[in-house]
């Protein structure tokens, strides 16, 4: 069994869309590229490649992004739902 390390099998159009959503997260949280890249465990150059859809985004980056910023992976990868996960009041208590 092989381990899927990147989302390289996704068509170029979808990679561009994922990159646009990644950039939307970064601007939504108000961080510049270097700070944001560091927070999700990548370089600013790699982040730029992901945001532009030129490079496939590694799954470890997707997971780190979702955990660090409470981003919904379904939204990031498919564009469905909400950008951020919401914690219900009852669950938070």
N, C-alpha and C. Protein backbone atom coordinates (compact mmCIF):
# COMPACT_ATOMS: atom_id res chain seq x y z
N UNK A 1 0.85 -1.17 0.00
CA UNK A 1 0.00 0.00 0.00
C UNK A 1 0.90 1.24 0.00
N UNK A 2 0.58 2.20 -0.86
CA UNK A 2 1.36 3.43 -0.90
C UNK A 2 0.68 4.51 -0.08
N UNK A 3 1.47 5.44 0.36
CA UNK A 3 0.96 6.55 1.15
C UNK A 3 0.78 7.76 0.23
N UNK A 4 -0.38 8.33 0.22
CA UNK A 4 -0.66 9.50 -0.58
C UNK A 4 -0.07 10.71 0.15
N UNK A 5 0.92 11.35 -0.46
CA UNK A 5 1.56 12.47 0.22
C UNK A 5 1.17 13.82 -0.35
N UNK A 6 0.71 13.86 -1.60
CA UNK A 6 0.24 15.11 -2.17
C UNK A 6 -1.08 14.88 -2.88
N UNK A 7 -1.68 15.96 -3.24
CA UNK A 7 -2.94 15.89 -3.95
C UNK A 7 -2.65 16.15 -5.42
N UNK A 8 -1.67 15.44 -5.96
CA UNK A 8 -1.20 15.68 -7.32
C UNK A 8 -2.13 15.13 -8.39
N UNK A 9 -3.00 14.20 -8.04
CA UNK A 9 -3.90 13.62 -9.02
C UNK A 9 -5.07 14.53 -9.37
N UNK A 10 -5.19 15.65 -8.68
CA UNK A 10 -6.28 16.59 -8.95
C UNK A 10 -5.93 17.40 -10.20
N UNK A 11 -6.92 17.61 -11.04
CA UNK A 11 -6.69 18.32 -12.30
C UNK A 11 -6.22 19.76 -12.04
N UNK A 12 -5.52 20.35 -13.01
CA UNK A 12 -4.95 21.70 -12.83
C UNK A 12 -6.00 22.76 -12.46
N UNK A 13 -7.19 22.69 -13.02
CA UNK A 13 -8.23 23.67 -12.70
C UNK A 13 -8.60 23.59 -11.22
N UNK A 14 -8.74 22.38 -10.72
CA UNK A 14 -9.07 22.20 -9.30
C UNK A 14 -7.94 22.66 -8.40
N UNK A 15 -6.68 22.44 -8.84
CA UNK A 15 -5.55 22.92 -8.04
C UNK A 15 -5.57 24.44 -7.93
N UNK A 16 -5.93 25.11 -9.02
CA UNK A 16 -6.04 26.57 -8.99
C UNK A 16 -7.13 26.99 -8.01
N UNK A 17 -8.26 26.30 -8.05
CA UNK A 17 -9.36 26.63 -7.15
C UNK A 17 -8.98 26.40 -5.68
N UNK A 18 -8.29 25.31 -5.41
CA UNK A 18 -7.81 25.04 -4.05
C UNK A 18 -6.84 26.14 -3.63
N UNK A 19 -5.96 26.53 -4.54
CA UNK A 19 -5.02 27.60 -4.26
C UNK A 19 -5.71 28.92 -3.94
N UNK A 20 -6.77 29.22 -4.66
CA UNK A 20 -7.54 30.44 -4.40
C UNK A 20 -8.19 30.38 -3.02
N UNK A 21 -8.69 29.21 -2.65
CA UNK A 21 -9.28 29.07 -1.32
C UNK A 21 -8.22 29.16 -0.23
N UNK A 22 -7.05 28.61 -0.49
CA UNK A 22 -5.94 28.73 0.46
C UNK A 22 -5.59 30.19 0.68
N UNK A 23 -5.50 30.94 -0.40
CA UNK A 23 -5.20 32.37 -0.30
C UNK A 23 -6.31 33.10 0.44
N UNK A 24 -7.56 32.71 0.22
CA UNK A 24 -8.69 33.32 0.92
C UNK A 24 -8.57 33.11 2.42
N UNK A 25 -8.12 31.93 2.84
CA UNK A 25 -7.91 31.67 4.27
C UNK A 25 -6.84 32.62 4.79
N UNK A 26 -5.72 32.69 4.08
CA UNK A 26 -4.61 33.54 4.53
C UNK A 26 -5.05 35.00 4.68
N UNK A 27 -5.76 35.52 3.70
CA UNK A 27 -6.20 36.91 3.80
C UNK A 27 -7.28 37.07 4.87
N UNK A 28 -8.11 36.07 5.06
CA UNK A 28 -9.15 36.13 6.06
C UNK A 28 -8.58 36.20 7.48
N UNK A 29 -7.49 35.48 7.72
CA UNK A 29 -6.88 35.51 9.05
C UNK A 29 -5.90 36.67 9.18
N UNK A 30 -5.70 37.41 8.10
CA UNK A 30 -4.90 38.63 8.15
C UNK A 30 -3.40 38.43 8.29
N UNK A 31 -2.89 37.36 7.71
CA UNK A 31 -1.46 37.11 7.81
C UNK A 31 -0.77 37.28 6.46
N UNK A 32 0.48 37.71 6.53
CA UNK A 32 1.29 37.80 5.32
C UNK A 32 1.82 36.42 4.99
N UNK A 33 2.27 36.25 3.76
CA UNK A 33 2.71 34.94 3.29
C UNK A 33 3.74 34.25 4.16
N UNK A 34 4.77 34.97 4.57
CA UNK A 34 5.84 34.35 5.34
C UNK A 34 5.36 33.81 6.67
N UNK A 35 4.58 34.60 7.39
CA UNK A 35 4.06 34.19 8.70
C UNK A 35 3.10 33.01 8.56
N UNK A 36 2.22 33.10 7.58
CA UNK A 36 1.24 32.05 7.33
C UNK A 36 1.94 30.76 6.93
N UNK A 37 2.91 30.86 6.03
CA UNK A 37 3.66 29.68 5.58
C UNK A 37 4.34 28.99 6.76
N UNK A 38 4.96 29.78 7.61
CA UNK A 38 5.64 29.23 8.79
C UNK A 38 4.66 28.50 9.69
N UNK A 39 3.48 29.08 9.87
CA UNK A 39 2.48 28.49 10.77
C UNK A 39 1.97 27.15 10.27
N UNK A 40 1.97 26.95 8.94
CA UNK A 40 1.48 25.68 8.41
C UNK A 40 2.60 24.74 7.98
N UNK A 41 3.83 25.11 8.30
CA UNK A 41 4.96 24.20 8.11
C UNK A 41 5.52 24.14 6.70
N UNK A 42 5.53 25.29 6.00
CA UNK A 42 6.08 25.31 4.65
C UNK A 42 6.85 26.61 4.43
N UNK A 43 7.42 26.75 3.27
CA UNK A 43 8.15 27.98 2.95
C UNK A 43 7.23 28.95 2.22
N UNK A 44 7.63 30.20 2.17
CA UNK A 44 6.84 31.19 1.46
C UNK A 44 6.79 30.88 -0.04
N UNK A 45 7.90 30.39 -0.59
CA UNK A 45 7.93 30.03 -2.01
C UNK A 45 6.97 28.88 -2.31
N UNK A 46 6.95 27.87 -1.43
CA UNK A 46 6.02 26.75 -1.63
C UNK A 46 4.58 27.22 -1.50
N UNK A 47 4.31 28.07 -0.51
CA UNK A 47 2.97 28.60 -0.33
C UNK A 47 2.51 29.33 -1.59
N UNK A 48 3.38 30.11 -2.16
CA UNK A 48 3.04 30.83 -3.39
C UNK A 48 2.68 29.86 -4.51
N UNK A 49 3.43 28.76 -4.63
CA UNK A 49 3.12 27.74 -5.63
C UNK A 49 1.78 27.08 -5.40
N UNK A 50 1.43 26.85 -4.12
CA UNK A 50 0.13 26.25 -3.81
C UNK A 50 -0.99 27.24 -4.13
N UNK A 51 -0.80 28.50 -3.71
CA UNK A 51 -1.83 29.50 -3.94
C UNK A 51 -2.08 29.76 -5.43
N UNK A 52 -1.04 29.66 -6.23
CA UNK A 52 -1.17 29.87 -7.68
C UNK A 52 -1.61 28.63 -8.43
N UNK A 53 -1.71 27.50 -7.73
CA UNK A 53 -2.13 26.25 -8.36
C UNK A 53 -1.03 25.60 -9.18
N UNK A 54 0.20 26.07 -9.04
CA UNK A 54 1.32 25.50 -9.79
C UNK A 54 1.83 24.22 -9.17
N UNK A 55 1.75 24.14 -7.85
CA UNK A 55 2.24 22.96 -7.13
C UNK A 55 1.08 22.27 -6.42
N UNK A 56 1.16 20.96 -6.36
CA UNK A 56 0.18 20.19 -5.59
C UNK A 56 0.44 20.42 -4.11
N UNK A 57 -0.61 20.62 -3.37
CA UNK A 57 -0.47 20.88 -1.94
C UNK A 57 -0.34 19.55 -1.18
N UNK A 58 0.72 19.39 -0.40
CA UNK A 58 0.88 18.15 0.37
C UNK A 58 -0.23 17.97 1.41
N UNK A 59 -0.60 16.76 1.62
CA UNK A 59 -1.65 16.47 2.59
C UNK A 59 -1.25 16.95 3.99
N UNK A 60 0.02 16.85 4.32
CA UNK A 60 0.45 17.32 5.65
C UNK A 60 0.18 18.81 5.83
N UNK A 61 0.27 19.58 4.73
CA UNK A 61 -0.02 21.01 4.80
C UNK A 61 -1.52 21.24 4.97
N UNK A 62 -2.32 20.47 4.25
CA UNK A 62 -3.78 20.56 4.39
C UNK A 62 -4.16 20.27 5.84
N UNK A 63 -3.62 19.20 6.40
CA UNK A 63 -3.95 18.82 7.77
C UNK A 63 -3.50 19.88 8.77
N UNK A 64 -2.30 20.41 8.58
CA UNK A 64 -1.79 21.44 9.48
C UNK A 64 -2.63 22.71 9.38
N UNK A 65 -2.99 23.09 8.16
CA UNK A 65 -3.83 24.27 7.95
C UNK A 65 -5.17 24.10 8.66
N UNK A 66 -5.78 22.95 8.47
CA UNK A 66 -7.08 22.69 9.08
C UNK A 66 -7.01 22.69 10.60
N UNK A 67 -5.95 22.15 11.15
CA UNK A 67 -5.80 22.12 12.60
C UNK A 67 -5.44 23.49 13.17
N UNK A 68 -4.51 24.18 12.54
CA UNK A 68 -4.03 25.46 13.05
C UNK A 68 -5.08 26.56 12.97
N UNK A 69 -5.80 26.61 11.85
CA UNK A 69 -6.75 27.70 11.63
C UNK A 69 -8.21 27.25 11.65
N UNK A 70 -8.46 26.02 12.03
CA UNK A 70 -9.83 25.49 12.11
C UNK A 70 -10.55 25.61 10.76
N UNK A 71 -9.80 25.35 9.68
CA UNK A 71 -10.37 25.38 8.33
C UNK A 71 -11.07 24.05 8.06
N UNK A 72 -12.18 24.12 7.38
CA UNK A 72 -12.91 22.91 7.01
C UNK A 72 -12.26 22.32 5.77
N UNK A 73 -11.75 21.11 5.85
CA UNK A 73 -11.07 20.46 4.72
C UNK A 73 -12.00 20.26 3.54
N UNK A 74 -13.25 19.99 3.80
CA UNK A 74 -14.24 19.81 2.74
C UNK A 74 -14.35 21.10 1.92
N UNK A 75 -14.38 22.22 2.61
CA UNK A 75 -14.44 23.51 1.91
C UNK A 75 -13.14 23.76 1.13
N UNK A 76 -12.01 23.53 1.78
CA UNK A 76 -10.72 23.80 1.15
C UNK A 76 -10.55 22.98 -0.13
N UNK A 77 -10.85 21.71 -0.07
CA UNK A 77 -10.60 20.82 -1.21
C UNK A 77 -11.72 20.80 -2.25
N UNK A 78 -12.97 20.99 -1.80
CA UNK A 78 -14.10 20.86 -2.72
C UNK A 78 -14.91 22.14 -2.92
N UNK A 79 -14.66 23.12 -2.06
CA UNK A 79 -15.40 24.37 -2.19
C UNK A 79 -16.82 24.31 -1.68
N UNK A 80 -17.11 23.34 -0.84
CA UNK A 80 -18.47 23.16 -0.31
C UNK A 80 -18.48 23.42 1.19
N UNK A 81 -19.53 24.08 1.63
CA UNK A 81 -19.65 24.35 3.06
C UNK A 81 -19.03 25.68 3.44
N UNK A 82 -18.55 25.74 4.67
CA UNK A 82 -18.00 26.97 5.23
C UNK A 82 -16.48 26.90 5.29
N UNK A 83 -15.84 28.06 5.22
CA UNK A 83 -14.39 28.13 5.29
C UNK A 83 -13.86 27.59 6.62
N UNK A 84 -14.49 28.00 7.70
CA UNK A 84 -14.00 27.61 9.03
C UNK A 84 -14.99 26.68 9.71
N UNK A 85 -14.43 25.76 10.50
CA UNK A 85 -15.28 24.89 11.32
C UNK A 85 -15.79 25.71 12.48
N UNK A 86 -17.00 25.44 12.86
CA UNK A 86 -17.59 26.16 13.99
C UNK A 86 -17.82 25.19 15.13
N UNK A 87 -17.49 25.61 16.32
CA UNK A 87 -17.73 24.81 17.51
C UNK A 87 -19.05 25.26 18.09
N UNK A 88 -19.96 24.31 18.26
CA UNK A 88 -21.26 24.64 18.86
C UNK A 88 -21.06 25.03 20.32
N UNK A 89 -21.88 25.94 20.77
CA UNK A 89 -21.80 26.42 22.16
C UNK A 89 -21.84 25.26 23.15
N UNK A 90 -22.71 24.29 22.92
CA UNK A 90 -22.86 23.16 23.85
C UNK A 90 -21.59 22.31 23.89
N UNK A 91 -20.91 22.17 22.74
CA UNK A 91 -19.68 21.39 22.70
C UNK A 91 -18.52 22.10 23.38
N UNK A 92 -18.52 23.42 23.33
CA UNK A 92 -17.43 24.20 23.90
C UNK A 92 -17.50 24.21 25.43
N UNK A 93 -18.67 24.04 25.98
CA UNK A 93 -18.83 24.13 27.43
C UNK A 93 -18.39 22.89 28.14
